[in-house]
PDB file of N, CA and C in Angstrom:
ATOM      1  N   MET A   1       8.813  15.938  19.555  1.00  0.00           N
ATOM      2  CA  MET A   1       8.172  15.029  20.445  1.00  0.00           C
ATOM      3  C   MET A   1       7.691  15.610  21.603  1.00  0.00           C
ATOM      4  N   PRO A   2       6.433  15.406  21.639  1.00  0.00           N
ATOM      5  CA  PRO A   2       5.454  16.182  22.870  1.00  0.00           C
ATOM      6  C   PRO A   2       5.425  15.431  24.022  1.00  0.00           C
ATOM      7  N   LYS A   3       5.316  16.256  25.191  1.00  0.00           N
ATOM      8  CA  LYS A   3       5.570  15.923  26.486  1.00  0.00           C
ATOM      9  C   LYS A   3       3.974  15.271  27.062  1.00  0.00           C
ATOM     10  N   MET A   4       3.883  13.843  27.060  1.00  0.00           N
ATOM     11  CA  MET A   4       2.817  13.592  27.649  1.00  0.00           C
ATOM     12  C   MET A   4       2.901  12.927  28.836  1.00  0.00           C
ATOM     13  N   VAL A   5       1.437  13.376  30.187  1.00  0.00           N
ATOM     14  CA  VAL A   5       1.553  13.001  31.207  1.00  0.00           C
ATOM     15  C   VAL A   5       0.577  12.375  31.689  1.00  0.00           C
ATOM     16  N   THR A   6       0.345  11.671  32.596  1.00  0.00           N
ATOM     17  CA  THR A   6      -0.905  11.224  32.706  1.00  0.00           C
ATOM     18  C   THR A   6      -1.990  12.419  33.816  1.00  0.00           C
ATOM     19  N   ILE A   7      -3.051  11.792  33.984  1.00  0.00           N
ATOM     20  CA  ILE A   7      -4.050  12.653  34.538  1.00  0.00           C
ATOM     21  C   ILE A   7      -3.638  13.169  35.863  1.00  0.00           C
ATOM     22  N   LYS A   8      -3.177  12.225  36.443  1.00  0.00           N
ATOM     23  CA  LYS A   8      -2.854  12.601  38.101  1.00  0.00           C
ATOM     24  C   LYS A   8      -1.536  13.602  37.798  1.00  0.00           C
ATOM     25  N   GLU A   9      -0.688  13.210  36.987  1.00  0.00           N
ATOM     26  CA  GLU A   9       0.558  14.296  37.077  1.00  0.00           C
ATOM     27  C   GLU A   9       0.047  15.541  36.471  1.00  0.00           C
ATOM     28  N   ALA A  10      -0.788  15.598  35.444  1.00  0.00           N
ATOM     29  CA  ALA A  10      -1.262  16.904  34.991  1.00  0.00           C
ATOM     30  C   ALA A  10      -1.834  17.577  36.101  1.00  0.00           C
ATOM     31  N   ALA A  11      -2.757  16.922  37.106  1.00  0.00           N
ATOM     32  CA  ALA A  11      -3.143  17.676  38.048  1.00  0.00           C
ATOM     33  C   ALA A  11      -2.466  18.079  39.082  1.00  0.00           C
ATOM     34  N   ALA A  12      -1.422  17.600  39.487  1.00  0.00           N
ATOM     35  CA  ALA A  12      -0.508  17.934  39.993  1.00  0.00           C
ATOM     36  C   ALA A  12       0.383  19.074  39.947  1.00  0.00           C
ATOM     37  N   MET A  13       1.104  19.196  38.379  1.00  0.00           N
ATOM     38  CA  MET A  13       1.563  20.252  37.897  1.00  0.00           C
ATOM     39  C   MET A  13       0.434  21.595  37.821  1.00  0.00           C
ATOM     40  N   THR A  14      -0.671  21.330  37.764  1.00  0.00           N
ATOM     41  CA  THR A  14      -1.438  22.517  37.425  1.00  0.00           C
ATOM     42  C   THR A  14      -2.728  23.053  38.448  1.00  0.00           C
ATOM     43  N   GLY A  15      -2.751  22.146  39.380  1.00  0.00           N
ATOM     44  CA  GLY A  15      -3.443  22.368  40.775  1.00  0.00           C
ATOM     45  C   GLY A  15      -5.227  22.525  40.402  1.00  0.00           C
ATOM     46  N   ILE A  16      -5.187  21.738  38.807  1.00  0.00           N
ATOM     47  CA  ILE A  16      -6.597  21.414  38.505  1.00  0.00           C
ATOM     48  C   ILE A  16      -6.942  19.909  38.804  1.00  0.00           C
ATOM     49  N   PRO A  17      -8.586  19.865  39.317  1.00  0.00           N
ATOM     50  CA  PRO A  17      -8.870  18.256  39.851  1.00  0.00           C
ATOM     51  C   PRO A  17      -8.743  17.675  38.847  1.00  0.00           C
ATOM     52  N   CYS A  18      -8.649  16.301  38.999  1.00  0.00           N
ATOM     53  CA  CYS A  18      -8.398  15.333  37.923  1.00  0.00           C
ATOM     54  C   CYS A  18      -9.625  15.261  37.461  1.00  0.00           C
ATOM     55  N   TYR A  19     -11.222  14.940  37.974  1.00  0.00           N
ATOM     56  CA  TYR A  19     -12.189  14.954  37.589  1.00  0.00           C
ATOM     57  C   TYR A  19     -12.847  16.201  36.281  1.00  0.00           C
ATOM     58  N   ARG A  20     -11.928  17.237  36.771  1.00  0.00           N
ATOM     59  CA  ARG A  20     -12.040  18.254  35.611  1.00  0.00           C
ATOM     60  C   ARG A  20     -10.926  18.000  34.099  1.00  0.00           C
ATOM     61  N   LEU A  21     -10.009  17.378  34.281  1.00  0.00           N
ATOM     62  CA  LEU A  21      -9.353  17.336  33.259  1.00  0.00           C
ATOM     63  C   LEU A  21      -9.850  16.043  32.769  1.00  0.00           C
ATOM     64  N   ARG A  22     -10.464  15.114  33.433  1.00  0.00           N
ATOM     65  CA  ARG A  22     -11.163  13.796  32.371  1.00  0.00           C
ATOM     66  C   ARG A  22     -12.276  14.484  31.788  1.00  0.00           C
ATOM     67  N   CYS A  23     -12.944  15.553  32.309  1.00  0.00           N
ATOM     68  CA  CYS A  23     -14.070  15.832  31.552  1.00  0.00           C
ATOM     69  C   CYS A  23     -13.791  16.564  30.076  1.00  0.00           C
ATOM     70  N   TRP A  24     -13.012  17.539  30.399  1.00  0.00           N
ATOM     71  CA  TRP A  24     -11.817  17.828  29.191  1.00  0.00           C
ATOM     72  C   TRP A  24     -11.627  17.136  28.216  1.00  0.00           C
ATOM     73  N   CYS A  25     -11.037  15.748  28.744  1.00  0.00           N
ATOM     74  CA  CYS A  25     -10.704  15.000  27.570  1.00  0.00           C
ATOM     75  C   CYS A  25     -11.722  14.821  26.932  1.00  0.00           C
ATOM     76  N   LYS A  26     -12.790  14.084  27.685  1.00  0.00           N
ATOM     77  CA  LYS A  26     -14.445  13.609  27.080  1.00  0.00           C
ATOM     78  C   LYS A  26     -14.978  14.533  26.113  1.00  0.00           C
ATOM     79  N   GLN A  27     -14.647  15.726  26.417  1.00  0.00           N
ATOM     80  CA  GLN A  27     -15.486  17.057  25.525  1.00  0.00           C
ATOM     81  C   GLN A  27     -14.247  17.355  24.480  1.00  0.00           C
ATOM     82  N   GLY A  28     -12.940  16.844  24.513  1.00  0.00           N
ATOM     83  CA  GLY A  28     -12.513  17.169  23.256  1.00  0.00           C
ATOM     84  C   GLY A  28     -11.770  18.200  23.295  1.00  0.00           C
ATOM     85  N   LYS A  29     -11.552  18.774  24.702  1.00  0.00           N
ATOM     86  CA  LYS A  29     -11.230  20.357  24.894  1.00  0.00           C
ATOM     87  C   LYS A  29      -9.422  20.154  24.921  1.00  0.00           C
ATOM     88  N   ILE A  30      -8.875  19.167  25.258  1.00  0.00           N
ATOM     89  CA  ILE A  30      -7.213  19.503  25.328  1.00  0.00           C
ATOM     90  C   ILE A  30      -7.208  17.659  24.496  1.00  0.00           C
ATOM     91  N   ILE A  31      -6.096  17.761  24.177  1.00  0.00           N
ATOM     92  CA  ILE A  31      -5.535  16.893  23.445  1.00  0.00           C
ATOM     93  C   ILE A  31      -4.724  15.667  24.169  1.00  0.00           C
ATOM     94  N   HIS A  32      -5.304  14.463  24.163  1.00  0.00           N
ATOM     95  CA  HIS A  32      -5.197  13.559  24.976  1.00  0.00           C
ATOM     96  C   HIS A  32      -4.841  11.829  24.284  1.00  0.00           C
ATOM     97  N   VAL A  33      -4.205  10.785  24.760  1.00  0.00           N
ATOM     98  CA  VAL A  33      -4.158   9.497  23.912  1.00  0.00           C
ATOM     99  C   VAL A  33      -4.666   8.708  24.926  1.00  0.00           C
ATOM    100  N   HIS A  34      -5.354   7.725  24.588  1.00  0.00           N
ATOM    101  CA  HIS A  34      -5.523   6.445  25.331  1.00  0.00           C
ATOM    102  C   HIS A  34      -4.850   5.871  25.550  1.00  0.00           C
ATOM    103  N   THR A  35      -4.076   5.119  26.419  1.00  0.00           N
ATOM    104  CA  THR A  35      -3.056   4.026  26.463  1.00  0.00           C
ATOM    105  C   THR A  35      -3.472   2.925  27.466  1.00  0.00           C
ATOM    106  N   GLY A  36      -4.356   1.870  26.770  1.00  0.00           N
ATOM    107  CA  GLY A  36      -4.790   0.852  27.755  1.00  0.00           C
ATOM    108  C   GLY A  36      -5.678   1.533  28.857  1.00  0.00           C
ATOM    109  N   THR A  37      -5.432   1.477  29.763  1.00  0.00           N
ATOM    110  CA  THR A  37      -6.558   1.842  31.210  1.00  0.00           C
ATOM    111  C   THR A  37      -6.007   3.676  31.458  1.00  0.00           C
ATOM    112  N   LYS A  38      -4.935   4.255  30.895  1.00  0.00           N
ATOM    113  CA  LYS A  38      -4.604   5.477  31.346  1.00  0.00           C
ATOM    114  C   LYS A  38      -4.976   6.206  30.290  1.00  0.00           C
ATOM    115  N   VAL A  39      -4.863   7.613  30.397  1.00  0.00           N
ATOM    116  CA  VAL A  39      -5.032   8.520  29.549  1.00  0.00           C
ATOM    117  C   VAL A  39      -3.911   9.720  29.652  1.00  0.00           C
ATOM    118  N   LEU A  40      -3.397   9.639  28.402  1.00  0.00           N
ATOM    119  CA  LEU A  40      -2.095  10.829  28.776  1.00  0.00           C
ATOM    120  C   LEU A  40      -2.421  12.224  28.053  1.00  0.00           C
ATOM    121  N   VAL A  41      -1.973  13.298  28.949  1.00  0.00           N
ATOM    122  CA  VAL A  41      -2.619  14.576  28.304  1.00  0.00           C
ATOM    123  C   VAL A  41      -1.263  15.266  27.764  1.00  0.00           C
ATOM    124  N   ASN A  42      -1.191  15.794  26.720  1.00  0.00           N
ATOM    125  CA  ASN A  42      -0.153  16.611  26.067  1.00  0.00           C
ATOM    126  C   ASN A  42      -0.185  17.921  26.884  1.00  0.00           C
ATOM    127  N   VAL A  43       1.210  18.119  27.641  1.00  0.00           N
ATOM    128  CA  VAL A  43       1.313  19.177  28.539  1.00  0.00           C
ATOM    129  C   VAL A  43       1.209  20.222  27.722  1.00  0.00           C
ATOM    130  N   ASP A  44       1.862  20.459  26.587  1.00  0.00           N
ATOM    131  CA  ASP A  44       2.041  21.813  26.046  1.00  0.00           C
ATOM    132  C   ASP A  44       0.761  22.374  25.631  1.00  0.00           C
ATOM    133  N   LYS A  45      -0.111  21.764  25.117  1.00  0.00           N
ATOM    134  CA  LYS A  45      -1.550  21.934  24.794  1.00  0.00           C
ATOM    135  C   LYS A  45      -2.326  22.208  25.466  1.00  0.00           C
ATOM    136  N   LEU A  46      -2.303  21.501  26.848  1.00  0.00           N
ATOM    137  CA  LEU A  46      -3.076  21.855  27.896  1.00  0.00           C
ATOM    138  C   LEU A  46      -2.489  23.346  28.329  1.00  0.00           C
ATOM    139  N   ALA A  47      -1.273  23.520  28.370  1.00  0.00           N
ATOM    140  CA  ALA A  47      -0.970  25.248  28.985  1.00  0.00           C
ATOM    141  C   ALA A  47      -1.569  26.064  27.840  1.00  0.00           C
ATOM    142  N   GLU A  48      -1.584  25.678  26.587  1.00  0.00           N
ATOM    143  CA  GLU A  48      -2.142  26.578  25.596  1.00  0.00           C
ATOM    144  C   GLU A  48      -3.654  26.668  25.947  1.00  0.00           C
ATOM    145  N   TYR A  49      -4.446  25.742  26.036  1.00  0.00           N
ATOM    146  CA  TYR A  49      -5.793  25.532  26.624  1.00  0.00           C
ATOM    147  C   TYR A  49      -6.061  26.549  27.773  1.00  0.00           C
ATOM    148  N   LEU A  50      -5.227  26.430  28.764  1.00  0.00           N
ATOM    149  CA  LEU A  50      -5.351  27.096  30.117  1.00  0.00           C
ATOM    150  C   LEU A  50      -5.068  28.717  29.811  1.00  0.00           C
ATOM    151  N   ASN A  51      -4.228  28.960  28.993  1.00  0.00           N
ATOM    152  CA  ASN A  51      -3.887  30.263  29.026  1.00  0.00           C
ATOM    153  C   ASN A  51      -4.640  31.088  27.605  1.00  0.00           C
ATOM    154  N   THR A  52      -5.407  30.236  26.968  1.00  0.00           N
ATOM    155  CA  THR A  52      -6.453  30.886  25.745  1.00  0.00           C
ATOM    156  C   THR A  52      -7.834  30.628  26.069  1.00  0.00           C
ATOM    157  N   GLY A  53      -8.035  29.560  26.787  1.00  0.00           N
ATOM    158  CA  GLY A  53      -9.448  28.852  26.681  1.00  0.00           C
ATOM    159  C   GLY A  53     -10.146  28.334  25.638  1.00  0.00           C
ATOM    160  N   GLU A  54      -9.179  28.148  24.495  1.00  0.00           N
ATOM    161  CA  GLU A  54      -9.656  27.376  23.057  1.00  0.00           C
ATOM    162  C   GLU A  54      -8.430  26.499  22.452  1.00  0.00           C
ATOM    163  N   MET A  55      -8.717  25.686  21.762  1.00  0.00           N
ATOM    164  CA  MET A  55      -7.569  24.745  21.196  1.00  0.00           C
ATOM    165  C   MET A  55      -7.262  25.519  19.712  1.00  0.00           C
ATOM    166  N   LYS A  56      -6.174  25.559  18.868  1.00  0.00           N
ATOM    167  CA  LYS A  56      -6.140  25.820  17.996  1.00  0.00           C
ATOM    168  C   LYS A  56      -5.675  24.619  17.126  1.00  0.00           C
TER     169      LYS A  56
END
């Protein structure tokens, strides 16, 4: 089961601003899921993107 967190929580964990994470979600650069008004980010895939700069 993947660990999913809100954009605010992901920003707090990584130090990346919320607006940048939202942009990456809109561009399809990181794995995310829309749940009503919230967007949940897959933490493992976010870490992979930050380490390599690309999604596999």
